Amino acid sequence: SRERLARSGLNSRPAAAAGPAGDCQAY
């Protein structure tokens, strides 16, 4: 799931990165 990917090593989006609202992974 997207939720699981967000907690995995495939989430490279920096915690403080400004991006779109919601669970979008863009940065």
PDB file of all heavy atoms in Angstrom:
ATOM      1  N   SER A   1       0.854  -1.192   0.000  1.00  0.00           N
ATOM      2  CA  SER A   1       0.000   0.000   0.000  1.00  0.00           C
ATOM      3  C   SER A   1       0.889   1.241   0.000  1.00  0.00           C
ATOM      4  O   SER A   1       2.079   1.171   0.349  1.00  0.00           O
ATOM      5  CB  SER A   1      -0.885   0.013   1.245  1.00  0.00           C
ATOM      6  OG  SER A   1      -0.077   0.199   2.413  1.00  0.00           O
ATOM      7  N   ARG A   2       0.318   2.364  -0.360  1.00  0.00           N
ATOM      8  CA  ARG A   2       1.078   3.618  -0.311  1.00  0.00           C
ATOM      9  C   ARG A   2       1.528   3.910   1.127  1.00  0.00           C
ATOM     10  O   ARG A   2       2.628   4.416   1.352  1.00  0.00           O
ATOM     11  CB  ARG A   2       0.232   4.780  -0.840  1.00  0.00           C
ATOM     12  CG  ARG A   2      -0.006   4.729  -2.340  1.00  0.00           C
ATOM     13  CD  ARG A   2      -0.848   5.908  -2.793  1.00  0.00           C
ATOM     14  NE  ARG A   2      -0.163   7.158  -2.551  1.00  0.00           N
ATOM     15  CZ  ARG A   2       0.655   7.746  -3.422  1.00  0.00           C
ATOM     16  NH1 ARG A   2       0.891   7.190  -4.599  1.00  0.00           N
ATOM     17  NH2 ARG A   2       1.225   8.889  -3.135  1.00  0.00           N
ATOM     18  N   GLU A   3       0.663   3.586   2.072  1.00  0.00           N
ATOM     19  CA  GLU A   3       0.995   3.822   3.478  1.00  0.00           C
ATOM     20  C   GLU A   3       2.237   3.019   3.881  1.00  0.00           C
ATOM     21  O   GLU A   3       3.130   3.524   4.561  1.00  0.00           O
ATOM     22  CB  GLU A   3      -0.199   3.439   4.357  1.00  0.00           C
ATOM     23  CG  GLU A   3       0.019   3.699   5.839  1.00  0.00           C
ATOM     24  CD  GLU A   3      -1.163   3.249   6.673  1.00  0.00           C
ATOM     25  OE1 GLU A   3      -1.853   2.286   6.268  1.00  0.00           O
ATOM     26  OE2 GLU A   3      -1.378   3.837   7.731  1.00  0.00           O
ATOM     27  N   ARG A   4       2.298   1.766   3.440  1.00  0.00           N
ATOM     28  CA  ARG A   4       3.461   0.932   3.759  1.00  0.00           C
ATOM     29  C   ARG A   4       4.714   1.459   3.051  1.00  0.00           C
ATOM     30  O   ARG A   4       5.802   1.494   3.644  1.00  0.00           O
ATOM     31  CB  ARG A   4       3.189  -0.524   3.340  1.00  0.00           C
ATOM     32  CG  ARG A   4       4.410  -1.459   3.444  1.00  0.00           C
ATOM     33  CD  ARG A   4       4.834  -1.669   4.883  1.00  0.00           C
ATOM     34  NE  ARG A   4       6.064  -2.440   4.974  1.00  0.00           N
ATOM     35  CZ  ARG A   4       7.299  -1.930   5.003  1.00  0.00           C
ATOM     36  NH1 ARG A   4       7.458  -0.616   4.948  1.00  0.00           N
ATOM     37  NH2 ARG A   4       8.350  -2.706   5.096  1.00  0.00           N
ATOM     38  N   LEU A   5       4.591   1.876   1.798  1.00  0.00           N
ATOM     39  CA  LEU A   5       5.743   2.408   1.070  1.00  0.00           C
ATOM     40  C   LEU A   5       6.286   3.670   1.728  1.00  0.00           C
ATOM     41  O   LEU A   5       7.501   3.906   1.739  1.00  0.00           O
ATOM     42  CB  LEU A   5       5.365   2.708  -0.387  1.00  0.00           C
ATOM     43  CG  LEU A   5       5.190   1.488  -1.297  1.00  0.00           C
ATOM     44  CD1 LEU A   5       4.640   1.921  -2.648  1.00  0.00           C
ATOM     45  CD2 LEU A   5       6.508   0.740  -1.459  1.00  0.00           C
ATOM     46  N   ALA A   6       5.384   4.478   2.291  1.00  0.00           N
ATOM     47  CA  ALA A   6       5.817   5.709   2.962  1.00  0.00           C
ATOM     48  C   ALA A   6       6.664   5.403   4.193  1.00  0.00           C
ATOM     49  O   ALA A   6       7.446   6.242   4.635  1.00  0.00           O
ATOM     50  CB  ALA A   6       4.601   6.546   3.349  1.00  0.00           C
ATOM     51  N   ARG A   7       6.516   4.191   4.744  1.00  0.00           N
ATOM     52  CA  ARG A   7       7.302   3.789   5.924  1.00  0.00           C
ATOM     53  C   ARG A   7       8.471   2.881   5.541  1.00  0.00           C
ATOM     54  O   ARG A   7       9.112   2.301   6.410  1.00  0.00           O
ATOM     55  CB  ARG A   7       6.392   3.071   6.928  1.00  0.00           C
ATOM     56  CG  ARG A   7       5.324   3.965   7.545  1.00  0.00           C
ATOM     57  CD  ARG A   7       4.499   3.229   8.602  1.00  0.00           C
ATOM     58  NE  ARG A   7       3.502   2.346   8.008  1.00  0.00           N
ATOM     59  CZ  ARG A   7       3.583   1.029   7.956  1.00  0.00           C
ATOM     60  NH1 ARG A   7       4.642   0.405   8.446  1.00  0.00           N
ATOM     61  NH2 ARG A   7       2.622   0.301   7.406  1.00  0.00           N
ATOM     62  N   SER A   8       8.745   2.765   4.257  1.00  0.00           N
ATOM     63  CA  SER A   8       9.793   1.856   3.790  1.00  0.00           C
ATOM     64  C   SER A   8      11.030   2.630   3.350  1.00  0.00           C
ATOM     65  O   SER A   8      11.029   3.861   3.283  1.00  0.00           O
ATOM     66  CB  SER A   8       9.274   1.024   2.603  1.00  0.00           C
ATOM     67  OG  SER A   8       9.271   1.802   1.415  1.00  0.00           O
ATOM     68  N   GLY A   9      12.057   1.879   2.995  1.00  0.00           N
ATOM     69  CA  GLY A   9      13.274   2.492   2.469  1.00  0.00           C
ATOM     70  C   GLY A   9      13.103   3.087   1.090  1.00  0.00           C
ATOM     71  O   GLY A   9      14.021   3.718   0.564  1.00  0.00           O
ATOM     72  N   LEU A  10      11.918   2.907   0.489  1.00  0.00           N
ATOM     73  CA  LEU A  10      11.648   3.517  -0.812  1.00  0.00           C
ATOM     74  C   LEU A  10      11.068   4.925  -0.683  1.00  0.00           C
ATOM     75  O   LEU A  10      10.750   5.550  -1.692  1.00  0.00           O
ATOM     76  CB  LEU A  10      10.677   2.645  -1.620  1.00  0.00           C
ATOM     77  CG  LEU A  10      11.235   1.305  -2.109  1.00  0.00           C
ATOM     78  CD1 LEU A  10      10.160   0.528  -2.853  1.00  0.00           C
ATOM     79  CD2 LEU A  10      12.451   1.513  -3.004  1.00  0.00           C
ATOM     80  N   ASN A  11      10.908   5.392   0.538  1.00  0.00           N
ATOM     81  CA  ASN A  11      10.455   6.770   0.741  1.00  0.00           C
ATOM     82  C   ASN A  11      11.683   7.651   0.925  1.00  0.00           C
ATOM     83  O   ASN A  11      12.281   7.685   1.986  1.00  0.00           O
ATOM     84  CB  ASN A  11       9.543   6.867   1.967  1.00  0.00           C
ATOM     85  CG  ASN A  11       9.043   8.287   2.179  1.00  0.00           C
ATOM     86  OD1 ASN A  11       9.301   9.177   1.369  1.00  0.00           O
ATOM     87  ND2 ASN A  11       8.331   8.501   3.271  1.00  0.00           N
ATOM     88  N   SER A  12      12.068   8.352  -0.136  1.00  0.00           N
ATOM     89  CA  SER A  12      13.253   9.209  -0.082  1.00  0.00           C
ATOM     90  C   SER A  12      12.899  10.680   0.089  1.00  0.00           C
ATOM     91  O   SER A  12      13.768  11.538   0.071  1.00  0.00           O
ATOM     92  CB  SER A  12      14.089   9.031  -1.358  1.00  0.00           C
ATOM     93  OG  SER A  12      13.299   9.257  -2.514  1.00  0.00           O
ATOM     94  N   ARG A  13      11.603  10.947   0.260  1.00  0.00           N
ATOM     95  CA  ARG A  13      11.186  12.350   0.420  1.00  0.00           C
ATOM     96  C   ARG A  13      11.618  12.852   1.795  1.00  0.00           C
ATOM     97  O   ARG A  13      11.228  12.287   2.829  1.00  0.00           O
ATOM     98  CB  ARG A  13       9.673  12.455   0.290  1.00  0.00           C
ATOM     99  CG  ARG A  13       9.157  13.887   0.347  1.00  0.00           C
ATOM    100  CD  ARG A  13       7.655  13.907   0.146  1.00  0.00           C
ATOM    101  NE  ARG A  13       7.181  15.272   0.136  1.00  0.00           N
ATOM    102  CZ  ARG A  13       6.139  15.699   0.839  1.00  0.00           C
ATOM    103  NH1 ARG A  13       5.478  14.869   1.609  1.00  0.00           N
ATOM    104  NH2 ARG A  13       5.760  16.948   0.768  1.00  0.00           N
ATOM    105  N   PRO A  14      12.434  13.910   1.860  1.00  0.00           N
ATOM    106  CA  PRO A  14      12.866  14.440   3.164  1.00  0.00           C
ATOM    107  C   PRO A  14      11.664  14.857   4.009  1.00  0.00           C
ATOM    108  O   PRO A  14      10.673  15.371   3.487  1.00  0.00           O
ATOM    109  CB  PRO A  14      13.723  15.652   2.790  1.00  0.00           C
ATOM    110  CG  PRO A  14      14.149  15.407   1.371  1.00  0.00           C
ATOM    111  CD  PRO A  14      13.025  14.664   0.736  1.00  0.00           C
ATOM    112  N   ALA A  15      11.753  14.636   5.302  1.00  0.00           N
ATOM    113  CA  ALA A  15      10.627  14.915   6.205  1.00  0.00           C
ATOM    114  C   ALA A  15      10.186  16.371   6.125  1.00  0.00           C
ATOM    115  O   ALA A  15       8.999  16.676   6.234  1.00  0.00           O
ATOM    116  CB  ALA A  15      11.009  14.543   7.633  1.00  0.00           C
ATOM    117  N   ALA A  16      11.131  17.274   5.934  1.00  0.00           N
ATOM    118  CA  ALA A  16      10.803  18.700   5.931  1.00  0.00           C
ATOM    119  C   ALA A  16      10.532  19.247   4.519  1.00  0.00           C
ATOM    120  O   ALA A  16      10.351  20.455   4.349  1.00  0.00           O
ATOM    121  CB  ALA A  16      11.945  19.488   6.565  1.00  0.00           C
ATOM    122  N   ALA A  17      10.507  18.365   3.510  1.00  0.00           N
ATOM    123  CA  ALA A  17      10.346  18.835   2.137  1.00  0.00           C
ATOM    124  C   ALA A  17       8.967  19.428   1.911  1.00  0.00           C
ATOM    125  O   ALA A  17       7.957  18.855   2.317  1.00  0.00           O
ATOM    126  CB  ALA A  17      10.583  17.691   1.152  1.00  0.00           C
ATOM    127  N   ALA A  18       8.938  20.573   1.240  1.00  0.00           N
ATOM    128  CA  ALA A  18       7.657  21.173   0.866  1.00  0.00           C
ATOM    129  C   ALA A  18       7.136  20.452  -0.360  1.00  0.00           C
ATOM    130  O   ALA A  18       7.872  20.226  -1.324  1.00  0.00           O
ATOM    131  CB  ALA A  18       7.847  22.652   0.566  1.00  0.00           C
ATOM    132  N   GLY A  19       5.888  20.047  -0.333  1.00  0.00           N
ATOM    133  CA  GLY A  19       5.316  19.322  -1.463  1.00  0.00           C
ATOM    134  C   GLY A  19       3.817  19.499  -1.515  1.00  0.00           C
ATOM    135  O   GLY A  19       3.241  20.251  -0.716  1.00  0.00           O
ATOM    136  N   PRO A  20       3.159  18.802  -2.430  1.00  0.00           N
ATOM    137  CA  PRO A  20       1.702  18.892  -2.524  1.00  0.00           C
ATOM    138  C   PRO A  20       1.033  18.353  -1.258  1.00  0.00           C
ATOM    139  O   PRO A  20       1.649  17.619  -0.479  1.00  0.00           O
ATOM    140  CB  PRO A  20       1.375  17.997  -3.723  1.00  0.00           C
ATOM    141  CG  PRO A  20       2.665  17.817  -4.454  1.00  0.00           C
ATOM    142  CD  PRO A  20       3.738  17.914  -3.440  1.00  0.00           C
ATOM    143  N   ALA A  21      -0.216  18.692  -1.087  1.00  0.00           N
ATOM    144  CA  ALA A  21      -0.972  18.240   0.087  1.00  0.00           C
ATOM    145  C   ALA A  21      -1.234  16.736   0.018  1.00  0.00           C
ATOM    146  O   ALA A  21      -1.112  16.110  -1.026  1.00  0.00           O
ATOM    147  CB  ALA A  21      -2.290  19.005   0.159  1.00  0.00           C
ATOM    148  N   GLY A  22      -1.596  16.163   1.154  1.00  0.00           N
ATOM    149  CA  GLY A  22      -1.956  14.754   1.209  1.00  0.00           C
ATOM    150  C   GLY A  22      -0.743  13.852   1.260  1.00  0.00           C
ATOM    151  O   GLY A  22       0.320  14.245   1.741  1.00  0.00           O
ATOM    152  N   ASP A  23      -0.903  12.635   0.733  1.00  0.00           N
ATOM    153  CA  ASP A  23       0.185  11.658   0.804  1.00  0.00           C
ATOM    154  C   ASP A  23       1.029  11.638  -0.464  1.00  0.00           C
ATOM    155  O   ASP A  23       1.764  10.685  -0.712  1.00  0.00           O
ATOM    156  CB  ASP A  23      -0.367  10.258   1.095  1.00  0.00           C
ATOM    157  CG  ASP A  23      -1.224   9.716  -0.045  1.00  0.00           C
ATOM    158  OD1 ASP A  23      -1.501  10.469  -1.009  1.00  0.00           O
ATOM    159  OD2 ASP A  23      -1.616   8.540   0.021  1.00  0.00           O
ATOM    160  N   CYS A  24       0.948  12.676  -1.269  1.00  0.00           N
ATOM    161  CA  CYS A  24       1.732  12.772  -2.504  1.00  0.00           C
ATOM    162  C   CYS A  24       3.224  12.778  -2.172  1.00  0.00           C
ATOM    163  O   CYS A  24       3.664  13.480  -1.264  1.00  0.00           O
ATOM    164  CB  CYS A  24       1.352  14.031  -3.272  1.00  0.00           C
ATOM    165  SG  CYS A  24       2.214  14.194  -4.848  1.00  0.00           S
ATOM    166  N   GLN A  25       3.999  12.016  -2.920  1.00  0.00           N
ATOM    167  CA  GLN A  25       5.416  11.839  -2.630  1.00  0.00           C
ATOM    168  C   GLN A  25       6.329  12.771  -3.434  1.00  0.00           C
ATOM    169  O   GLN A  25       7.540  12.598  -3.439  1.00  0.00           O
ATOM    170  CB  GLN A  25       5.817  10.387  -2.902  1.00  0.00           C
ATOM    171  CG  GLN A  25       5.249   9.408  -1.901  1.00  0.00           C
ATOM    172  CD  GLN A  25       5.800   9.635  -0.503  1.00  0.00           C
ATOM    173  OE1 GLN A  25       7.007   9.643  -0.301  1.00  0.00           O
ATOM    174  NE2 GLN A  25       4.922   9.833   0.453  1.00  0.00           N
ATOM    175  N   ALA A  26       5.781  13.744  -4.122  1.00  0.00           N
ATOM    176  CA  ALA A  26       6.591  14.651  -4.940  1.00  0.00           C
ATOM    177  C   ALA A  26       7.450  15.565  -4.066  1.00  0.00           C
ATOM    178  O   ALA A  26       7.020  16.004  -3.004  1.00  0.00           O
ATOM    179  CB  ALA A  26       5.686  15.488  -5.840  1.00  0.00           C
ATOM    180  N   TYR A  27       8.659  15.828  -4.525  1.00  0.00           N
ATOM    181  CA  TYR A  27       9.544  16.783  -3.856  1.00  0.00           C
ATOM    182  C   TYR A  27      10.611  17.230  -4.848  1.00  0.00           C
ATOM    183  O   TYR A  27      10.688  16.714  -5.970  1.00  0.00           O
ATOM    184  CB  TYR A  27      10.183  16.171  -2.607  1.00  0.00           C
ATOM    185  CG  TYR A  27      11.141  15.018  -2.834  1.00  0.00           C
ATOM    186  CD1 TYR A  27      12.523  15.213  -2.909  1.00  0.00           C
ATOM    187  CD2 TYR A  27      10.664  13.707  -2.955  1.00  0.00           C
ATOM    188  CE1 TYR A  27      13.395  14.146  -3.113  1.00  0.00           C
ATOM    189  CE2 TYR A  27      11.535  12.644  -3.150  1.00  0.00           C
ATOM    190  CZ  TYR A  27      12.901  12.863  -3.234  1.00  0.00           C
ATOM    191  OH  TYR A  27      13.770  11.817  -3.422  1.00  0.00           O
TER     192      TYR A  27
END
